[in-house]
Amino acid sequence: MILPRLNPYLDYRVILANSVRKFIKKLNKKERRTLISDIEKLSCAHAAVLDVKKLKNYKNLYRLRCGSYRVVFRPYKQEKILLVIVVAHRKEVYVLIKNISALF
């Protein structure tokens, strides 16, 4: 019998950085809808079906795959918050993370 994976971020509040909001606004309607839907699923019971992995060499950073885009977030367990730091195309996202990694 296979048990379903439990969502470790159930009931977390999702907060988007201002740069993430601006990036999402620039996307076309279909991509925007998909990204927002997947980001909302992070904090609900459906997160088990999402492709979330911890980023190597970064303490407490995770990525969510959404088609050709990547959503990078950091969970804060005590406050029950998921802070979405970066959303970018898969070719650009890891370069952006290196540039801001000093903050984390």
N, C-alpha and C. Protein backbone atom coordinates (compact mmCIF):
# COMPACT_ATOMS: atom_id res chain seq x y z
N MET A 1 0.83 -1.17 0.00
CA MET A 1 0.00 0.00 0.00
C MET A 1 0.88 1.25 0.00
N ILE A 2 0.61 2.18 -0.90
CA ILE A 2 1.39 3.41 -1.00
C ILE A 2 0.60 4.54 -0.36
N LEU A 3 1.22 5.17 0.60
CA LEU A 3 0.57 6.29 1.28
C LEU A 3 0.87 7.59 0.52
N PRO A 4 -0.08 8.49 0.44
CA PRO A 4 0.18 9.76 -0.23
C PRO A 4 1.17 10.61 0.57
N ARG A 5 1.98 11.36 -0.15
CA ARG A 5 2.93 12.25 0.50
C ARG A 5 2.19 13.38 1.19
N LEU A 6 2.56 13.66 2.41
CA LEU A 6 1.94 14.77 3.13
C LEU A 6 2.63 16.07 2.74
N ASN A 7 1.87 17.12 2.68
CA ASN A 7 2.41 18.43 2.33
C ASN A 7 3.03 19.06 3.58
N PRO A 8 4.35 19.30 3.57
CA PRO A 8 4.97 19.91 4.74
C PRO A 8 4.61 21.38 4.90
N TYR A 9 4.05 22.01 3.86
CA TYR A 9 3.72 23.43 3.89
C TYR A 9 2.23 23.69 3.97
N LEU A 10 1.49 22.74 4.49
CA LEU A 10 0.05 22.90 4.62
C LEU A 10 -0.26 24.06 5.56
N ASP A 11 -1.17 24.91 5.17
CA ASP A 11 -1.60 26.08 5.95
C ASP A 11 -0.52 27.16 6.08
N TYR A 12 0.47 27.15 5.21
CA TYR A 12 1.44 28.23 5.18
C TYR A 12 0.86 29.38 4.36
N ARG A 13 1.24 30.59 4.68
CA ARG A 13 0.86 31.76 3.89
C ARG A 13 1.93 32.00 2.84
N VAL A 14 1.53 32.26 1.62
CA VAL A 14 2.47 32.50 0.53
C VAL A 14 2.61 34.00 0.32
N ILE A 15 3.85 34.49 0.38
CA ILE A 15 4.13 35.90 0.17
C ILE A 15 5.04 36.03 -1.04
N LEU A 16 4.65 36.92 -1.97
CA LEU A 16 5.43 37.14 -3.18
C LEU A 16 6.28 38.40 -3.03
N ALA A 17 7.55 38.30 -3.42
CA ALA A 17 8.40 39.49 -3.45
C ALA A 17 7.88 40.42 -4.55
N ASN A 18 8.16 41.71 -4.42
CA ASN A 18 7.69 42.68 -5.41
C ASN A 18 8.20 42.38 -6.81
N SER A 19 9.44 41.92 -6.91
CA SER A 19 10.00 41.59 -8.23
C SER A 19 9.25 40.42 -8.86
N VAL A 20 8.77 39.49 -8.04
CA VAL A 20 8.00 38.35 -8.52
C VAL A 20 6.65 38.83 -9.06
N ARG A 21 6.01 39.73 -8.34
CA ARG A 21 4.73 40.28 -8.79
C ARG A 21 4.88 40.96 -10.15
N LYS A 22 5.93 41.76 -10.30
CA LYS A 22 6.16 42.46 -11.56
C LYS A 22 6.41 41.47 -12.70
N PHE A 23 7.18 40.43 -12.43
CA PHE A 23 7.48 39.43 -13.46
C PHE A 23 6.22 38.71 -13.91
N ILE A 24 5.38 38.33 -12.95
CA ILE A 24 4.15 37.60 -13.28
C ILE A 24 3.21 38.48 -14.10
N LYS A 25 3.15 39.76 -13.80
CA LYS A 25 2.28 40.67 -14.56
C LYS A 25 2.69 40.77 -16.02
N LYS A 26 3.97 40.58 -16.32
CA LYS A 26 4.47 40.69 -17.68
C LYS A 26 4.18 39.46 -18.54
N LEU A 27 3.83 38.35 -17.91
CA LEU A 27 3.59 37.11 -18.64
C LEU A 27 2.26 37.16 -19.38
N ASN A 28 2.14 36.29 -20.39
CA ASN A 28 0.84 36.21 -21.06
C ASN A 28 -0.17 35.52 -20.14
N LYS A 29 -1.43 35.62 -20.50
CA LYS A 29 -2.52 35.18 -19.62
C LYS A 29 -2.42 33.71 -19.23
N LYS A 30 -2.10 32.84 -20.19
CA LYS A 30 -2.04 31.40 -19.93
C LYS A 30 -0.90 31.07 -18.96
N GLU A 31 0.28 31.63 -19.22
CA GLU A 31 1.43 31.36 -18.34
C GLU A 31 1.19 31.92 -16.95
N ARG A 32 0.59 33.12 -16.88
CA ARG A 32 0.29 33.75 -15.60
C ARG A 32 -0.66 32.88 -14.78
N ARG A 33 -1.70 32.38 -15.43
CA ARG A 33 -2.69 31.55 -14.74
C ARG A 33 -2.05 30.27 -14.20
N THR A 34 -1.20 29.64 -15.01
CA THR A 34 -0.54 28.40 -14.59
C THR A 34 0.38 28.65 -13.40
N LEU A 35 1.19 29.70 -13.48
CA LEU A 35 2.12 30.02 -12.39
C LEU A 35 1.38 30.32 -11.09
N ILE A 36 0.37 31.15 -11.17
CA ILE A 36 -0.38 31.52 -9.96
C ILE A 36 -1.06 30.30 -9.36
N SER A 37 -1.60 29.45 -10.21
CA SER A 37 -2.27 28.23 -9.73
C SER A 37 -1.28 27.33 -8.99
N ASP A 38 -0.10 27.13 -9.57
CA ASP A 38 0.90 26.27 -8.93
C ASP A 38 1.42 26.88 -7.63
N ILE A 39 1.61 28.19 -7.61
CA ILE A 39 2.08 28.84 -6.39
C ILE A 39 1.04 28.71 -5.28
N GLU A 40 -0.24 28.86 -5.63
CA GLU A 40 -1.30 28.70 -4.64
C GLU A 40 -1.37 27.27 -4.11
N LYS A 41 -1.07 26.30 -4.96
CA LYS A 41 -1.12 24.90 -4.53
C LYS A 41 -0.03 24.57 -3.51
N LEU A 42 1.02 25.38 -3.43
CA LEU A 42 2.09 25.13 -2.47
C LEU A 42 1.58 25.03 -1.04
N SER A 43 0.60 25.84 -0.70
CA SER A 43 0.15 25.89 0.69
C SER A 43 -1.14 25.12 0.94
N CYS A 44 -1.52 24.27 0.02
CA CYS A 44 -2.74 23.48 0.25
C CYS A 44 -2.41 21.99 0.12
N ALA A 45 -3.40 21.18 0.24
CA ALA A 45 -3.21 19.73 0.26
C ALA A 45 -2.75 19.17 -1.08
N HIS A 46 -2.91 19.92 -2.16
CA HIS A 46 -2.54 19.41 -3.48
C HIS A 46 -1.05 19.54 -3.79
N ALA A 47 -0.26 20.02 -2.87
CA ALA A 47 1.16 20.25 -3.13
C ALA A 47 1.94 18.97 -3.37
N ALA A 48 1.42 17.84 -2.96
CA ALA A 48 2.12 16.58 -3.14
C ALA A 48 2.31 16.25 -4.62
N VAL A 49 1.46 16.78 -5.49
CA VAL A 49 1.58 16.49 -6.92
C VAL A 49 2.52 17.46 -7.62
N LEU A 50 3.01 18.49 -6.92
CA LEU A 50 3.91 19.46 -7.52
C LEU A 50 5.34 18.95 -7.50
N ASP A 51 6.14 19.48 -8.40
CA ASP A 51 7.54 19.09 -8.49
C ASP A 51 8.39 20.09 -7.71
N VAL A 52 8.55 19.81 -6.41
CA VAL A 52 9.33 20.68 -5.52
C VAL A 52 10.56 19.94 -5.07
N LYS A 53 11.71 20.61 -5.17
CA LYS A 53 12.97 20.02 -4.71
C LYS A 53 13.80 21.06 -3.98
N LYS A 54 14.61 20.59 -3.04
CA LYS A 54 15.53 21.47 -2.34
C LYS A 54 16.70 21.77 -3.27
N LEU A 55 17.15 23.03 -3.27
CA LEU A 55 18.29 23.40 -4.10
C LEU A 55 19.59 23.04 -3.39
N LYS A 56 20.47 22.40 -4.10
CA LYS A 56 21.77 22.03 -3.54
C LYS A 56 22.61 23.29 -3.36
N ASN A 57 23.46 23.26 -2.36
CA ASN A 57 24.40 24.35 -2.05
C ASN A 57 23.72 25.62 -1.56
N TYR A 58 22.43 25.57 -1.28
CA TYR A 58 21.73 26.72 -0.73
C TYR A 58 20.96 26.25 0.50
N LYS A 59 21.16 26.95 1.58
CA LYS A 59 20.49 26.56 2.82
C LYS A 59 19.04 27.02 2.78
N ASN A 60 18.13 26.07 2.85
CA ASN A 60 16.71 26.35 2.99
C ASN A 60 16.07 27.05 1.79
N LEU A 61 16.54 26.77 0.58
CA LEU A 61 15.89 27.27 -0.64
C LEU A 61 15.35 26.09 -1.43
N TYR A 62 14.16 26.26 -1.96
CA TYR A 62 13.50 25.21 -2.73
C TYR A 62 13.04 25.77 -4.06
N ARG A 63 12.86 24.88 -5.03
CA ARG A 63 12.36 25.31 -6.33
C ARG A 63 11.13 24.50 -6.71
N LEU A 64 10.23 25.17 -7.40
CA LEU A 64 9.01 24.56 -7.92
C LEU A 64 9.07 24.68 -9.43
N ARG A 65 8.89 23.56 -10.13
CA ARG A 65 8.88 23.58 -11.59
C ARG A 65 7.48 23.85 -12.10
N CYS A 66 7.36 24.86 -12.95
CA CYS A 66 6.08 25.22 -13.58
C CYS A 66 6.33 25.37 -15.07
N GLY A 67 6.29 24.27 -15.80
CA GLY A 67 6.58 24.33 -17.23
C GLY A 67 8.02 24.74 -17.46
N SER A 68 8.24 25.81 -18.21
CA SER A 68 9.60 26.26 -18.47
C SER A 68 10.03 27.34 -17.47
N TYR A 69 9.24 27.56 -16.45
CA TYR A 69 9.57 28.54 -15.41
C TYR A 69 9.89 27.84 -14.10
N ARG A 70 10.68 28.52 -13.27
CA ARG A 70 11.02 28.00 -11.95
C ARG A 70 10.64 29.04 -10.91
N VAL A 71 10.05 28.56 -9.83
CA VAL A 71 9.67 29.39 -8.70
C VAL A 71 10.59 29.00 -7.55
N VAL A 72 11.37 29.95 -7.05
CA VAL A 72 12.28 29.68 -5.94
C VAL A 72 11.69 30.32 -4.69
N PHE A 73 11.59 29.51 -3.63
CA PHE A 73 10.98 30.01 -2.41
C PHE A 73 11.74 29.53 -1.19
N ARG A 74 11.48 30.21 -0.09
CA ARG A 74 12.09 29.85 1.18
C ARG A 74 11.00 29.73 2.24
N PRO A 75 10.93 28.58 2.91
CA PRO A 75 9.93 28.44 3.98
C PRO A 75 10.47 28.97 5.32
N TYR A 76 9.60 29.63 6.05
CA TYR A 76 9.89 30.07 7.41
C TYR A 76 8.92 29.31 8.32
N LYS A 77 9.46 28.32 9.03
CA LYS A 77 8.61 27.38 9.76
C LYS A 77 7.90 28.00 10.95
N GLN A 78 8.59 28.83 11.71
CA GLN A 78 7.95 29.39 12.91
C GLN A 78 6.80 30.33 12.55
N GLU A 79 6.98 31.12 11.49
CA GLU A 79 5.94 32.06 11.09
C GLU A 79 4.92 31.44 10.15
N LYS A 80 5.21 30.22 9.67
CA LYS A 80 4.36 29.52 8.69
C LYS A 80 4.16 30.37 7.43
N ILE A 81 5.30 30.77 6.86
CA ILE A 81 5.31 31.61 5.66
C ILE A 81 6.17 30.97 4.60
N LEU A 82 5.72 31.04 3.34
CA LEU A 82 6.53 30.68 2.18
C LEU A 82 6.81 31.97 1.44
N LEU A 83 8.07 32.39 1.40
CA LEU A 83 8.45 33.61 0.71
C LEU A 83 8.95 33.24 -0.68
N VAL A 84 8.21 33.65 -1.70
CA VAL A 84 8.62 33.40 -3.10
C VAL A 84 9.60 34.49 -3.47
N ILE A 85 10.85 34.09 -3.72
CA ILE A 85 11.95 35.03 -3.94
C ILE A 85 12.15 35.36 -5.40
N VAL A 86 12.13 34.31 -6.24
CA VAL A 86 12.43 34.49 -7.66
C VAL A 86 11.48 33.63 -8.49
N VAL A 87 11.00 34.21 -9.59
CA VAL A 87 10.31 33.46 -10.63
C VAL A 87 10.97 33.88 -11.93
N ALA A 88 11.48 32.92 -12.68
CA ALA A 88 12.16 33.24 -13.94
C ALA A 88 12.15 32.02 -14.85
N HIS A 89 12.55 32.24 -16.09
CA HIS A 89 12.68 31.14 -17.04
C HIS A 89 13.77 30.21 -16.54
N ARG A 90 13.66 28.95 -16.88
CA ARG A 90 14.59 27.95 -16.35
C ARG A 90 16.04 28.22 -16.73
N LYS A 91 16.28 28.90 -17.85
CA LYS A 91 17.65 29.20 -18.27
C LYS A 91 18.26 30.34 -17.46
N GLU A 92 17.43 31.17 -16.86
CA GLU A 92 17.92 32.36 -16.17
C GLU A 92 17.86 32.27 -14.65
N VAL A 93 17.03 31.40 -14.13
CA VAL A 93 16.72 31.43 -12.70
C VAL A 93 17.93 31.14 -11.82
N TYR A 94 18.78 30.21 -12.20
CA TYR A 94 19.90 29.84 -11.33
C TYR A 94 20.98 30.92 -11.31
N VAL A 95 21.11 31.68 -12.39
CA VAL A 95 22.02 32.83 -12.40
C VAL A 95 21.50 33.90 -11.45
N LEU A 96 20.19 34.13 -11.47
CA LEU A 96 19.59 35.11 -10.57
C LEU A 96 19.77 34.71 -9.10
N ILE A 97 19.65 33.41 -8.83
CA ILE A 97 19.80 32.93 -7.46
C ILE A 97 21.24 33.16 -6.97
N LYS A 98 22.21 32.92 -7.83
CA LYS A 98 23.61 33.16 -7.44
C LYS A 98 23.83 34.62 -7.09
N ASN A 99 23.19 35.52 -7.83
CA ASN A 99 23.36 36.95 -7.58
C ASN A 99 22.76 37.39 -6.25
N ILE A 100 21.68 36.75 -5.83
CA ILE A 100 21.03 37.15 -4.58
C ILE A 100 21.33 36.21 -3.43
N SER A 101 22.16 35.21 -3.65
CA SER A 101 22.40 34.19 -2.60
C SER A 101 23.07 34.78 -1.36
N ALA A 102 23.73 35.91 -1.49
CA ALA A 102 24.37 36.52 -0.32
C ALA A 102 23.34 36.96 0.70
N LEU A 103 22.11 37.20 0.25
CA LEU A 103 21.06 37.62 1.18
C LEU A 103 20.53 36.47 2.02
N PHE A 104 20.79 35.25 1.58
CA PHE A 104 20.24 34.09 2.26
C PHE A 104 21.37 33.25 2.79
